[in-house]
Full PDB file with SEQRES, HELIX, SHEET, SSBOND, CRYST1, ORIGX, SCALE, CONECT and MASTER records, all heavy atoms in Angstrom:
SEQRES   1 A   44  THR GLY GLU GLU LEU THR LEU PRO TYR ALA TYR ALA MET          
SEQRES   2 A   44  ARG LEU PHE SER ALA GLY PHE VAL GLU GLY GLY GLU PRO          
SEQRES   3 A   44  GLY ARG PRO GLN THR ALA GLU THR ALA LEU LYS ARG VAL          
SEQRES   4 A   44  ASN PRO PRO ALA LYS                                          
HELIX    1 AA1 TYR A    9  SER A   17  1                                   9    
HELIX    2 AA2 PRO A   29  THR A   31  5                                   3    
HELIX    3 AA3 ALA A   32  ALA A   35  1                                   4    
CRYST1    1.000    1.000    1.000  90.00  90.00  90.00 P 1           1          
ORIGX1      1.000000  0.000000  0.000000        0.00000                         
ORIGX2      0.000000  1.000000  0.000000        0.00000                         
ORIGX3      0.000000  0.000000  1.000000        0.00000                         
SCALE1      1.000000  0.000000  0.000000        0.00000                         
SCALE2      0.000000  1.000000  0.000000        0.00000                         
SCALE3      0.000000  0.000000  1.000000        0.00000                         
ATOM      1  N   THR A   1       0.816  -1.128   0.041  1.00  0.00           N  
ATOM      2  CA  THR A   1       0.005   0.009   0.017  1.00  0.00           C  
ATOM      3  C   THR A   1       0.913   1.244  -0.004  1.00  0.00           C  
ATOM      4  O   THR A   1       1.850   1.355   0.768  1.00  0.00           O  
ATOM      5  CB  THR A   1      -0.871   0.022   1.335  1.00  0.00           C  
ATOM      6  OG1 THR A   1      -1.722  -1.191   1.294  1.00  0.00           O  
ATOM      7  CG2 THR A   1      -1.795   1.207   1.283  1.00  0.00           C  
ATOM      8  N   GLY A   2       0.554   2.227  -0.852  1.00  0.00           N  
ATOM      9  CA  GLY A   2       1.293   3.387  -0.911  1.00  0.00           C  
ATOM     10  C   GLY A   2       2.355   3.453  -1.970  1.00  0.00           C  
ATOM     11  O   GLY A   2       2.953   4.478  -2.308  1.00  0.00           O  
ATOM     12  N   GLU A   3       2.749   2.237  -2.499  1.00  0.00           N  
ATOM     13  CA  GLU A   3       3.826   2.224  -3.514  1.00  0.00           C  
ATOM     14  C   GLU A   3       3.320   2.928  -4.793  1.00  0.00           C  
ATOM     15  O   GLU A   3       2.206   2.717  -5.079  1.00  0.00           O  
ATOM     16  CB  GLU A   3       4.262   0.799  -3.877  1.00  0.00           C  
ATOM     17  CG  GLU A   3       5.208   0.223  -2.832  1.00  0.00           C  
ATOM     18  CD  GLU A   3       5.819  -1.060  -3.364  1.00  0.00           C  
ATOM     19  OE1 GLU A   3       6.607  -0.964  -4.312  1.00  0.00           O  
ATOM     20  OE2 GLU A   3       5.568  -2.139  -2.734  1.00  0.00           O  
ATOM     21  N   GLU A   4       4.187   3.682  -5.401  1.00  0.00           N  
ATOM     22  CA  GLU A   4       3.879   4.414  -6.679  1.00  0.00           C  
ATOM     23  C   GLU A   4       4.260   3.500  -7.828  1.00  0.00           C  
ATOM     24  O   GLU A   4       5.323   2.905  -7.889  1.00  0.00           O  
ATOM     25  CB  GLU A   4       4.727   5.610  -6.769  1.00  0.00           C  
ATOM     26  CG  GLU A   4       4.235   6.463  -7.838  1.00  0.00           C  
ATOM     27  CD  GLU A   4       4.833   7.965  -7.709  1.00  0.00           C  
ATOM     28  OE1 GLU A   4       5.838   8.097  -8.220  1.00  0.00           O  
ATOM     29  OE2 GLU A   4       4.091   8.868  -7.140  1.00  0.00           O  
ATOM     30  N   LEU A   5       3.295   3.281  -8.753  1.00  0.00           N  
ATOM     31  CA  LEU A   5       3.491   2.545  -9.994  1.00  0.00           C  
ATOM     32  C   LEU A   5       3.277   3.388 -11.316  1.00  0.00           C  
ATOM     33  O   LEU A   5       2.468   4.404 -11.185  1.00  0.00           O  
ATOM     34  CB  LEU A   5       2.443   1.323  -9.989  1.00  0.00           C  
ATOM     35  CG  LEU A   5       2.672   0.336  -8.924  1.00  0.00           C  
ATOM     36  CD1 LEU A   5       1.517  -0.723  -9.050  1.00  0.00           C  
ATOM     37  CD2 LEU A   5       3.937  -0.268  -8.893  1.00  0.00           C  
ATOM     38  N   THR A   6       3.962   3.006 -12.267  1.00  0.00           N  
ATOM     39  CA  THR A   6       3.608   3.688 -13.606  1.00  0.00           C  
ATOM     40  C   THR A   6       3.264   2.554 -14.637  1.00  0.00           C  
ATOM     41  O   THR A   6       4.032   1.704 -14.733  1.00  0.00           O  
ATOM     42  CB  THR A   6       4.754   4.457 -14.007  1.00  0.00           C  
ATOM     43  OG1 THR A   6       5.078   5.409 -13.048  1.00  0.00           O  
ATOM     44  CG2 THR A   6       4.576   5.056 -15.467  1.00  0.00           C  
ATOM     45  N   LEU A   7       2.061   2.602 -15.093  1.00  0.00           N  
ATOM     46  CA  LEU A   7       1.524   1.573 -15.983  1.00  0.00           C  
ATOM     47  C   LEU A   7       0.840   2.184 -17.228  1.00  0.00           C  
ATOM     48  O   LEU A   7       0.406   3.326 -17.155  1.00  0.00           O  
ATOM     49  CB  LEU A   7       0.551   0.694 -15.286  1.00  0.00           C  
ATOM     50  CG  LEU A   7       1.043  -0.352 -14.232  1.00  0.00           C  
ATOM     51  CD1 LEU A   7      -0.086  -0.884 -13.447  1.00  0.00           C  
ATOM     52  CD2 LEU A   7       1.957  -1.320 -14.786  1.00  0.00           C  
ATOM     53  N   PRO A   8       0.785   1.419 -18.277  1.00  0.00           N  
ATOM     54  CA  PRO A   8      -0.029   1.890 -19.365  1.00  0.00           C  
ATOM     55  C   PRO A   8      -1.553   2.085 -18.885  1.00  0.00           C  
ATOM     56  O   PRO A   8      -2.088   1.500 -17.981  1.00  0.00           O  
ATOM     57  CB  PRO A   8      -0.090   0.718 -20.445  1.00  0.00           C  
ATOM     58  CG  PRO A   8       1.110  -0.021 -20.060  1.00  0.00           C  
ATOM     59  CD  PRO A   8       1.304   0.152 -18.610  1.00  0.00           C  
ATOM     60  N   TYR A   9      -2.152   2.992 -19.500  1.00  0.00           N  
ATOM     61  CA  TYR A   9      -3.560   3.553 -19.166  1.00  0.00           C  
ATOM     62  C   TYR A   9      -4.553   2.352 -19.031  1.00  0.00           C  
ATOM     63  O   TYR A   9      -5.276   2.168 -17.944  1.00  0.00           O  
ATOM     64  CB  TYR A   9      -4.161   4.436 -20.248  1.00  0.00           C  
ATOM     65  CG  TYR A   9      -5.620   4.903 -19.957  1.00  0.00           C  
ATOM     66  CD1 TYR A   9      -5.695   5.874 -18.911  1.00  0.00           C  
ATOM     67  CD2 TYR A   9      -6.660   4.308 -20.656  1.00  0.00           C  
ATOM     68  CE1 TYR A   9      -7.001   6.380 -18.637  1.00  0.00           C  
ATOM     69  CE2 TYR A   9      -7.768   4.830 -20.258  1.00  0.00           C  
ATOM     70  CZ  TYR A   9      -8.107   5.691 -19.380  1.00  0.00           C  
ATOM     71  OH  TYR A   9      -9.375   6.160 -19.061  1.00  0.00           O  
ATOM     72  N   ALA A  10      -4.508   1.313 -19.889  1.00  0.00           N  
ATOM     73  CA  ALA A  10      -5.516   0.257 -19.807  1.00  0.00           C  
ATOM     74  C   ALA A  10      -5.331  -0.623 -18.488  1.00  0.00           C  
ATOM     75  O   ALA A  10      -6.193  -0.930 -17.839  1.00  0.00           O  
ATOM     76  CB  ALA A  10      -5.390  -0.659 -20.976  1.00  0.00           C  
ATOM     77  N   TYR A  11      -4.005  -0.871 -18.145  1.00  0.00           N  
ATOM     78  CA  TYR A  11      -3.775  -1.636 -16.973  1.00  0.00           C  
ATOM     79  C   TYR A  11      -4.066  -0.751 -15.726  1.00  0.00           C  
ATOM     80  O   TYR A  11      -4.535  -1.221 -14.772  1.00  0.00           O  
ATOM     81  CB  TYR A  11      -2.251  -1.969 -16.837  1.00  0.00           C  
ATOM     82  CG  TYR A  11      -1.980  -3.172 -17.870  1.00  0.00           C  
ATOM     83  CD1 TYR A  11      -0.781  -3.088 -18.561  1.00  0.00           C  
ATOM     84  CD2 TYR A  11      -2.797  -4.195 -18.193  1.00  0.00           C  
ATOM     85  CE1 TYR A  11      -0.412  -4.117 -19.412  1.00  0.00           C  
ATOM     86  CE2 TYR A  11      -2.540  -5.187 -19.036  1.00  0.00           C  
ATOM     87  CZ  TYR A  11      -1.331  -5.113 -19.765  1.00  0.00           C  
ATOM     88  OH  TYR A  11      -1.012  -6.114 -20.696  1.00  0.00           O  
ATOM     89  N   ALA A  12      -3.679   0.462 -15.782  1.00  0.00           N  
ATOM     90  CA  ALA A  12      -4.050   1.401 -14.689  1.00  0.00           C  
ATOM     91  C   ALA A  12      -5.653   1.525 -14.425  1.00  0.00           C  
ATOM     92  O   ALA A  12      -6.025   1.518 -13.274  1.00  0.00           O  
ATOM     93  CB  ALA A  12      -3.420   2.733 -14.915  1.00  0.00           C  
ATOM     94  N   MET A  13      -6.292   1.509 -15.483  1.00  0.00           N  
ATOM     95  CA  MET A  13      -7.752   1.590 -15.310  1.00  0.00           C  
ATOM     96  C   MET A  13      -8.348   0.223 -14.751  1.00  0.00           C  
ATOM     97  O   MET A  13      -9.274   0.209 -14.007  1.00  0.00           O  
ATOM     98  CB  MET A  13      -8.423   1.878 -16.692  1.00  0.00           C  
ATOM     99  CG  MET A  13      -8.463   3.334 -17.046  1.00  0.00           C  
ATOM    100  SD  MET A  13      -9.231   4.394 -15.755  1.00  0.00           S  
ATOM    101  CE  MET A  13     -10.902   3.876 -15.888  1.00  0.00           C  
ATOM    102  N   ARG A  14      -7.618  -0.880 -14.990  1.00  0.00           N  
ATOM    103  CA  ARG A  14      -8.063  -2.203 -14.435  1.00  0.00           C  
ATOM    104  C   ARG A  14      -7.990  -2.020 -12.968  1.00  0.00           C  
ATOM    105  O   ARG A  14      -8.795  -2.502 -12.266  1.00  0.00           O  
ATOM    106  CB  ARG A  14      -7.270  -3.283 -15.049  1.00  0.00           C  
ATOM    107  CG  ARG A  14      -7.579  -3.800 -16.427  1.00  0.00           C  
ATOM    108  CD  ARG A  14      -6.720  -4.775 -17.022  1.00  0.00           C  
ATOM    109  NE  ARG A  14      -6.764  -6.036 -16.127  1.00  0.00           N  
ATOM    110  CZ  ARG A  14      -5.865  -7.021 -16.455  1.00  0.00           C  
ATOM    111  NH1 ARG A  14      -5.086  -6.962 -17.507  1.00  0.00           N  
ATOM    112  NH2 ARG A  14      -5.817  -8.102 -15.773  1.00  0.00           N  
ATOM    113  N   LEU A  15      -6.826  -1.568 -12.514  1.00  0.00           N  
ATOM    114  CA  LEU A  15      -6.631  -1.356 -11.015  1.00  0.00           C  
ATOM    115  C   LEU A  15      -7.559  -0.336 -10.446  1.00  0.00           C  
ATOM    116  O   LEU A  15      -8.030  -0.561  -9.298  1.00  0.00           O  
ATOM    117  CB  LEU A  15      -5.082  -1.093 -10.695  1.00  0.00           C  
ATOM    118  CG  LEU A  15      -4.132  -2.186 -11.012  1.00  0.00           C  
ATOM    119  CD1 LEU A  15      -2.701  -1.640 -10.812  1.00  0.00           C  
ATOM    120  CD2 LEU A  15      -4.436  -3.415 -10.114  1.00  0.00           C  
ATOM    121  N   PHE A  16      -7.827   0.674 -11.185  1.00  0.00           N  
ATOM    122  CA  PHE A  16      -8.769   1.720 -10.694  1.00  0.00           C  
ATOM    123  C   PHE A  16     -10.078   1.098 -10.573  1.00  0.00           C  
ATOM    124  O   PHE A  16     -10.717   1.329  -9.447  1.00  0.00           O  
ATOM    125  CB  PHE A  16      -8.857   2.893 -11.687  1.00  0.00           C  
ATOM    126  CG  PHE A  16      -9.922   3.867 -11.378  1.00  0.00           C  
ATOM    127  CD1 PHE A  16      -9.648   4.941 -10.498  1.00  0.00           C  
ATOM    128  CD2 PHE A  16     -11.150   3.788 -12.008  1.00  0.00           C  
ATOM    129  CE1 PHE A  16     -10.623   5.820 -10.183  1.00  0.00           C  
ATOM    130  CE2 PHE A  16     -12.095   4.796 -11.678  1.00  0.00           C  
ATOM    131  CZ  PHE A  16     -11.877   5.747 -10.732  1.00  0.00           C  
ATOM    132  N   SER A  17     -10.609   0.370 -11.459  1.00  0.00           N  
ATOM    133  CA  SER A  17     -11.910  -0.321 -11.441  1.00  0.00           C  
ATOM    134  C   SER A  17     -12.034  -1.342 -10.268  1.00  0.00           C  
ATOM    135  O   SER A  17     -13.112  -1.488  -9.742  1.00  0.00           O  
ATOM    136  CB  SER A  17     -12.259  -1.024 -12.779  1.00  0.00           C  
ATOM    137  OG  SER A  17     -12.298   0.053 -13.772  1.00  0.00           O  
ATOM    138  N   ALA A  18     -10.939  -1.873  -9.899  1.00  0.00           N  
ATOM    139  CA  ALA A  18     -10.807  -2.883  -8.846  1.00  0.00           C  
ATOM    140  C   ALA A  18     -10.635  -2.159  -7.504  1.00  0.00           C  
ATOM    141  O   ALA A  18     -10.635  -2.786  -6.440  1.00  0.00           O  
ATOM    142  CB  ALA A  18      -9.825  -3.938  -9.060  1.00  0.00           C  
ATOM    143  N   GLY A  19     -10.488  -0.884  -7.435  1.00  0.00           N  
ATOM    144  CA  GLY A  19     -10.468  -0.186  -6.091  1.00  0.00           C  
ATOM    145  C   GLY A  19      -9.007  -0.119  -5.699  1.00  0.00           C  
ATOM    146  O   GLY A  19      -8.821   0.128  -4.484  1.00  0.00           O  
ATOM    147  N   PHE A  20      -7.935  -0.408  -6.453  1.00  0.00           N  
ATOM    148  CA  PHE A  20      -6.597  -0.455  -5.985  1.00  0.00           C  
ATOM    149  C   PHE A  20      -5.853   0.929  -6.024  1.00  0.00           C  
ATOM    150  O   PHE A  20      -4.672   0.940  -5.687  1.00  0.00           O  
ATOM    151  CB  PHE A  20      -5.836  -1.440  -6.761  1.00  0.00           C  
ATOM    152  CG  PHE A  20      -5.995  -2.880  -6.228  1.00  0.00           C  
ATOM    153  CD1 PHE A  20      -7.158  -3.581  -6.480  1.00  0.00           C  
ATOM    154  CD2 PHE A  20      -5.048  -3.398  -5.353  1.00  0.00           C  
ATOM    155  CE1 PHE A  20      -7.357  -4.897  -6.074  1.00  0.00           C  
ATOM    156  CE2 PHE A  20      -5.233  -4.720  -4.810  1.00  0.00           C  
ATOM    157  CZ  PHE A  20      -6.423  -5.477  -5.278  1.00  0.00           C  
ATOM    158  N   VAL A  21      -6.434   1.959  -6.598  1.00  0.00           N  
ATOM    159  CA  VAL A  21      -5.704   3.184  -6.803  1.00  0.00           C  
ATOM    160  C   VAL A  21      -6.232   4.155  -5.809  1.00  0.00           C  
ATOM    161  O   VAL A  21      -7.303   4.520  -5.429  1.00  0.00           O  
ATOM    162  CB  VAL A  21      -6.128   3.790  -8.310  1.00  0.00           C  
ATOM    163  CG1 VAL A  21      -5.489   5.150  -8.422  1.00  0.00           C  
ATOM    164  CG2 VAL A  21      -5.671   2.772  -9.338  1.00  0.00           C  
ATOM    165  N   GLU A  22      -5.078   4.693  -5.073  1.00  0.00           N  
ATOM    166  CA  GLU A  22      -5.291   5.710  -3.970  1.00  0.00           C  
ATOM    167  C   GLU A  22      -5.856   6.901  -4.502  1.00  0.00           C  
ATOM    168  O   GLU A  22      -5.413   7.502  -5.503  1.00  0.00           O  
ATOM    169  CB  GLU A  22      -3.939   5.983  -3.354  1.00  0.00           C  
ATOM    170  CG  GLU A  22      -4.109   6.827  -2.139  1.00  0.00           C  
ATOM    171  CD  GLU A  22      -2.714   7.089  -1.627  1.00  0.00           C  
ATOM    172  OE1 GLU A  22      -2.220   6.089  -0.856  1.00  0.00           O  
ATOM    173  OE2 GLU A  22      -2.139   8.117  -1.640  1.00  0.00           O  
ATOM    174  N   GLY A  23      -7.004   7.392  -3.925  1.00  0.00           N  
ATOM    175  CA  GLY A  23      -7.708   8.600  -4.449  1.00  0.00           C  
ATOM    176  C   GLY A  23      -8.685   8.415  -5.461  1.00  0.00           C  
ATOM    177  O   GLY A  23      -9.268   9.307  -5.911  1.00  0.00           O  
ATOM    178  N   GLY A  24      -8.847   7.133  -5.888  1.00  0.00           N  
ATOM    179  CA  GLY A  24      -9.835   6.909  -6.959  1.00  0.00           C  
ATOM    180  C   GLY A  24     -10.976   6.226  -6.274  1.00  0.00           C  
ATOM    181  O   GLY A  24     -10.859   5.391  -5.451  1.00  0.00           O  
ATOM    182  N   GLU A  25     -12.163   6.520  -6.904  1.00  0.00           N  
ATOM    183  CA  GLU A  25     -13.426   5.793  -6.408  1.00  0.00           C  
ATOM    184  C   GLU A  25     -14.074   5.163  -7.692  1.00  0.00           C  
ATOM    185  O   GLU A  25     -14.495   5.870  -8.599  1.00  0.00           O  
ATOM    186  CB  GLU A  25     -14.501   6.855  -5.837  1.00  0.00           C  
ATOM    187  CG  GLU A  25     -13.845   7.461  -4.555  1.00  0.00           C  
ATOM    188  CD  GLU A  25     -14.829   8.468  -4.014  1.00  0.00           C  
ATOM    189  OE1 GLU A  25     -16.078   8.223  -3.976  1.00  0.00           O  
ATOM    190  OE2 GLU A  25     -14.275   9.567  -3.614  1.00  0.00           O  
ATOM    191  N   PRO A  26     -13.942   3.876  -7.719  1.00  0.00           N  
ATOM    192  CA  PRO A  26     -14.585   3.204  -8.892  1.00  0.00           C  
ATOM    193  C   PRO A  26     -16.064   3.602  -9.198  1.00  0.00           C  
ATOM    194  O   PRO A  26     -16.410   3.583 -10.457  1.00  0.00           O  
ATOM    195  CB  PRO A  26     -14.520   1.677  -8.600  1.00  0.00           C  
ATOM    196  CG  PRO A  26     -13.467   1.508  -7.601  1.00  0.00           C  
ATOM    197  CD  PRO A  26     -13.495   2.860  -6.775  1.00  0.00           C  
ATOM    198  N   GLY A  27     -16.920   3.903  -8.210  1.00  0.00           N  
ATOM    199  CA  GLY A  27     -18.209   4.296  -8.418  1.00  0.00           C  
ATOM    200  C   GLY A  27     -18.352   5.722  -9.070  1.00  0.00           C  
ATOM    201  O   GLY A  27     -19.344   6.189  -9.445  1.00  0.00           O  
ATOM    202  N   ARG A  28     -17.204   6.427  -8.981  1.00  0.00           N  
ATOM    203  CA  ARG A  28     -17.191   7.768  -9.609  1.00  0.00           C  
ATOM    204  C   ARG A  28     -16.041   7.899 -10.605  1.00  0.00           C  
ATOM    205  O   ARG A  28     -14.922   8.277 -10.277  1.00  0.00           O  
ATOM    206  CB  ARG A  28     -16.928   8.812  -8.460  1.00  0.00           C  
ATOM    207  CG  ARG A  28     -18.066   8.784  -7.426  1.00  0.00           C  
ATOM    208  CD  ARG A  28     -17.872   9.798  -6.293  1.00  0.00           C  
ATOM    209  NE  ARG A  28     -17.658  11.182  -6.801  1.00  0.00           N  
ATOM    210  CZ  ARG A  28     -16.790  11.998  -6.254  1.00  0.00           C  
ATOM    211  NH1 ARG A  28     -16.105  11.752  -5.209  1.00  0.00           N  
ATOM    212  NH2 ARG A  28     -16.721  13.240  -6.817  1.00  0.00           N  
ATOM    213  N   PRO A  29     -16.384   7.633 -11.827  1.00  0.00           N  
ATOM    214  CA  PRO A  29     -15.355   7.550 -12.893  1.00  0.00           C  
ATOM    215  C   PRO A  29     -14.522   8.839 -13.037  1.00  0.00           C  
ATOM    216  O   PRO A  29     -13.366   8.789 -13.432  1.00  0.00           O  
ATOM    217  CB  PRO A  29     -15.998   7.016 -14.066  1.00  0.00           C  
ATOM    218  CG  PRO A  29     -17.364   6.491 -13.667  1.00  0.00           C  
ATOM    219  CD  PRO A  29     -17.680   7.133 -12.324  1.00  0.00           C  
ATOM    220  N   GLN A  30     -15.174   9.888 -12.710  1.00  0.00           N  
ATOM    221  CA  GLN A  30     -14.446  11.199 -12.935  1.00  0.00           C  
ATOM    222  C   GLN A  30     -13.285  11.332 -11.982  1.00  0.00           C  
ATOM    223  O   GLN A  30     -12.382  12.165 -12.259  1.00  0.00           O  
ATOM    224  CB  GLN A  30     -15.499  12.429 -12.601  1.00  0.00           C  
ATOM    225  CG  GLN A  30     -16.134  12.494 -11.344  1.00  0.00           C  
ATOM    226  CD  GLN A  30     -17.337  11.656 -11.012  1.00  0.00           C  
ATOM    227  OE1 GLN A  30     -17.595  10.692 -11.811  1.00  0.00           O  
ATOM    228  NE2 GLN A  30     -18.131  12.091 -10.023  1.00  0.00           N  
ATOM    229  N   THR A  31     -13.145  10.457 -10.935  1.00  0.00           N  
ATOM    230  CA  THR A  31     -11.981  10.554 -10.065  1.00  0.00           C  
ATOM    231  C   THR A  31     -10.735   9.960 -10.596  1.00  0.00           C  
ATOM    232  O   THR A  31      -9.615  10.104 -10.170  1.00  0.00           O  
ATOM    233  CB  THR A  31     -12.205   9.890  -8.657  1.00  0.00           C  
ATOM    234  OG1 THR A  31     -12.518   8.500  -8.885  1.00  0.00           O  
ATOM    235  CG2 THR A  31     -13.374  10.542  -7.945  1.00  0.00           C  
ATOM    236  N   ALA A  32     -10.949   9.184 -11.772  1.00  0.00           N  
ATOM    237  CA  ALA A  32      -9.848   8.522 -12.447  1.00  0.00           C  
ATOM    238  C   ALA A  32      -8.905   9.645 -13.028  1.00  0.00           C  
ATOM    239  O   ALA A  32      -7.602   9.330 -12.930  1.00  0.00           O  
ATOM    240  CB  ALA A  32     -10.320   7.635 -13.637  1.00  0.00           C  
ATOM    241  N   GLU A  33      -9.347  10.673 -13.443  1.00  0.00           N  
ATOM    242  CA  GLU A  33      -8.402  11.696 -14.123  1.00  0.00           C  
ATOM    243  C   GLU A  33      -7.568  12.323 -12.995  1.00  0.00           C  
ATOM    244  O   GLU A  33      -6.319  12.506 -13.325  1.00  0.00           O  
ATOM    245  CB  GLU A  33      -9.279  12.774 -14.673  1.00  0.00           C  
ATOM    246  CG  GLU A  33      -8.564  13.813 -15.525  1.00  0.00           C  
ATOM    247  CD  GLU A  33      -9.417  14.771 -16.183  1.00  0.00           C  
ATOM    248  OE1 GLU A  33     -10.471  14.380 -16.542  1.00  0.00           O  
ATOM    249  OE2 GLU A  33      -8.882  15.897 -16.347  1.00  0.00           O  
ATOM    250  N   THR A  34      -7.961  12.525 -11.749  1.00  0.00           N  
ATOM    251  CA  THR A  34      -7.057  13.001 -10.823  1.00  0.00           C  
ATOM    252  C   THR A  34      -6.263  11.966 -10.153  1.00  0.00           C  
ATOM    253  O   THR A  34      -5.082  12.173  -9.748  1.00  0.00           O  
ATOM    254  CB  THR A  34      -7.855  13.739  -9.680  1.00  0.00           C  
ATOM    255  OG1 THR A  34      -8.870  13.022  -9.124  1.00  0.00           O  
ATOM    256  CG2 THR A  34      -8.400  15.006 -10.299  1.00  0.00           C  
ATOM    257  N   ALA A  35      -6.717  10.770  -9.999  1.00  0.00           N  
ATOM    258  CA  ALA A  35      -5.948   9.693  -9.360  1.00  0.00           C  
ATOM    259  C   ALA A  35      -4.876   8.953 -10.144  1.00  0.00           C  
ATOM    260  O   ALA A  35      -3.839   8.593  -9.745  1.00  0.00           O  
ATOM    261  CB  ALA A  35      -6.932   8.643  -8.761  1.00  0.00           C  
ATOM    262  N   LEU A  36      -5.180   8.960 -11.506  1.00  0.00           N  
ATOM    263  CA  LEU A  36      -4.190   8.443 -12.482  1.00  0.00           C  
ATOM    264  C   LEU A  36      -3.504   9.648 -13.204  1.00  0.00           C  
ATOM    265  O   LEU A  36      -4.019  10.142 -14.161  1.00  0.00           O  
ATOM    266  CB  LEU A  36      -4.877   7.595 -13.481  1.00  0.00           C  
ATOM    267  CG  LEU A  36      -5.705   6.356 -12.905  1.00  0.00           C  
ATOM    268  CD1 LEU A  36      -6.476   5.587 -13.927  1.00  0.00           C  
ATOM    269  CD2 LEU A  36      -4.749   5.499 -12.234  1.00  0.00           C  
ATOM    270  N   LYS A  37      -2.420   9.921 -12.638  1.00  0.00           N  
ATOM    271  CA  LYS A  37      -1.684  11.170 -13.343  1.00  0.00           C  
ATOM    272  C   LYS A  37      -0.874  10.716 -14.678  1.00  0.00           C  
ATOM    273  O   LYS A  37      -0.142   9.763 -14.629  1.00  0.00           O  
ATOM    274  CB  LYS A  37      -0.646  11.733 -12.232  1.00  0.00           C  
ATOM    275  CG  LYS A  37      -1.418  12.242 -11.121  1.00  0.00           C  
ATOM    276  CD  LYS A  37      -0.508  12.596  -9.918  1.00  0.00           C  
ATOM    277  CE  LYS A  37      -1.118  13.120  -8.798  1.00  0.00           C  
ATOM    278  NZ  LYS A  37      -2.333  12.435  -8.337  1.00  0.00           N  
ATOM    279  N   ARG A  38      -1.155  11.543 -15.626  1.00  0.00           N  
ATOM    280  CA  ARG A  38      -0.477  11.214 -16.970  1.00  0.00           C  
ATOM    281  C   ARG A  38       1.020  11.482 -16.906  1.00  0.00           C  
ATOM    282  O   ARG A  38       1.479  12.466 -16.217  1.00  0.00           O  
ATOM    283  CB  ARG A  38      -1.082  12.183 -18.006  1.00  0.00           C  
ATOM    284  CG  ARG A  38      -0.593  11.914 -19.341  1.00  0.00           C  
ATOM    285  CD  ARG A  38      -1.133  12.855 -20.491  1.00  0.00           C  
ATOM    286  NE  ARG A  38      -2.550  12.750 -20.568  1.00  0.00           N  
ATOM    287  CZ  ARG A  38      -3.203  12.015 -21.384  1.00  0.00           C  
ATOM    288  NH1 ARG A  38      -2.484  11.274 -22.232  1.00  0.00           N  
ATOM    289  NH2 ARG A  38      -4.495  12.001 -21.379  1.00  0.00           N  
ATOM    290  N   VAL A  39       1.771  10.538 -17.430  1.00  0.00           N  
ATOM    291  CA  VAL A  39       3.201  10.649 -17.489  1.00  0.00           C  
ATOM    292  C   VAL A  39       3.574  11.160 -18.932  1.00  0.00           C  
ATOM    293  O   VAL A  39       3.163  10.421 -19.811  1.00  0.00           O  
ATOM    294  CB  VAL A  39       3.991   9.319 -17.075  1.00  0.00           C  
ATOM    295  CG1 VAL A  39       5.473   9.432 -17.341  1.00  0.00           C  
ATOM    296  CG2 VAL A  39       3.575   8.878 -15.781  1.00  0.00           C  
ATOM    297  N   ASN A  40       4.310  12.261 -18.896  1.00  0.00           N  
ATOM    298  CA  ASN A  40       4.631  12.694 -20.364  1.00  0.00           C  
ATOM    299  C   ASN A  40       5.807  11.956 -20.713  1.00  0.00           C  
ATOM    300  O   ASN A  40       6.957  11.883 -20.204  1.00  0.00           O  
ATOM    301  CB  ASN A  40       4.985  14.128 -20.217  1.00  0.00           C  
ATOM    302  CG  ASN A  40       3.818  15.042 -19.890  1.00  0.00           C  
ATOM    303  OD1 ASN A  40       2.669  14.779 -20.280  1.00  0.00           O  
ATOM    304  ND2 ASN A  40       4.059  16.166 -19.239  1.00  0.00           N  
ATOM    305  N   PRO A  41       5.668  11.059 -21.938  1.00  0.00           N  
ATOM    306  CA  PRO A  41       6.768  10.395 -22.468  1.00  0.00           C  
ATOM    307  C   PRO A  41       7.892  11.288 -22.970  1.00  0.00           C  
ATOM    308  O   PRO A  41       7.554  12.518 -23.397  1.00  0.00           O  
ATOM    309  CB  PRO A  41       6.158   9.614 -23.702  1.00  0.00           C  
ATOM    310  CG  PRO A  41       5.056  10.330 -24.063  1.00  0.00           C  
ATOM    311  CD  PRO A  41       4.529  11.107 -22.812  1.00  0.00           C  
ATOM    312  N   PRO A  42       9.083  10.945 -23.024  1.00  0.00           N  
ATOM    313  CA  PRO A  42      10.078  11.811 -23.659  1.00  0.00           C  
ATOM    314  C   PRO A  42       9.825  12.060 -25.079  1.00  0.00           C  
ATOM    315  O   PRO A  42       9.284  11.188 -25.746  1.00  0.00           O  
ATOM    316  CB  PRO A  42      11.377  10.933 -23.384  1.00  0.00           C  
ATOM    317  CG  PRO A  42      10.950   9.537 -23.204  1.00  0.00           C  
ATOM    318  CD  PRO A  42       9.577   9.570 -22.548  1.00  0.00           C  
ATOM    319  N   ALA A  43      10.203  13.233 -25.538  1.00  0.00           N  
ATOM    320  CA  ALA A  43       9.961  13.528 -26.862  1.00  0.00           C  
ATOM    321  C   ALA A  43      10.785  12.737 -27.900  1.00  0.00           C  
ATOM    322  O   ALA A  43      11.957  12.536 -27.554  1.00  0.00           O  
ATOM    323  CB  ALA A  43      10.310  14.996 -27.108  1.00  0.00           C  
ATOM    324  N   LYS A  44      10.221  12.176 -28.859  1.00  0.00           N  
ATOM    325  CA  LYS A  44      10.908  11.393 -29.750  1.00  0.00           C  
ATOM    326  C   LYS A  44      11.288  12.159 -31.061  1.00  0.00           C  
ATOM    327  O   LYS A  44      10.416  12.917 -31.505  1.00  0.00           O  
ATOM    328  CB  LYS A  44      10.006  10.127 -30.240  1.00  0.00           C  
ATOM    329  CG  LYS A  44       9.834   9.148 -29.117  1.00  0.00           C  
ATOM    330  CD  LYS A  44       8.946   8.011 -29.531  1.00  0.00           C  
ATOM    331  CE  LYS A  44       8.626   7.098 -28.483  1.00  0.00           C  
ATOM    332  NZ  LYS A  44       7.726   5.946 -28.984  1.00  0.00           N  
TER     333      LYS A  44                                                      
MASTER        0    0    0    3    0    0    0    6  332    1    0    4          
END                                                                             
């Protein structure tokens, strides 16, 4: 609990939907945007 992970969006959403994301409430999908912070990939 409390460990920080970085995953592709689809996998992160699986954990969000299962209630594993801190600050996220599966019953309130709008909380996904704040709980799952976007990681900017390095410019290619």
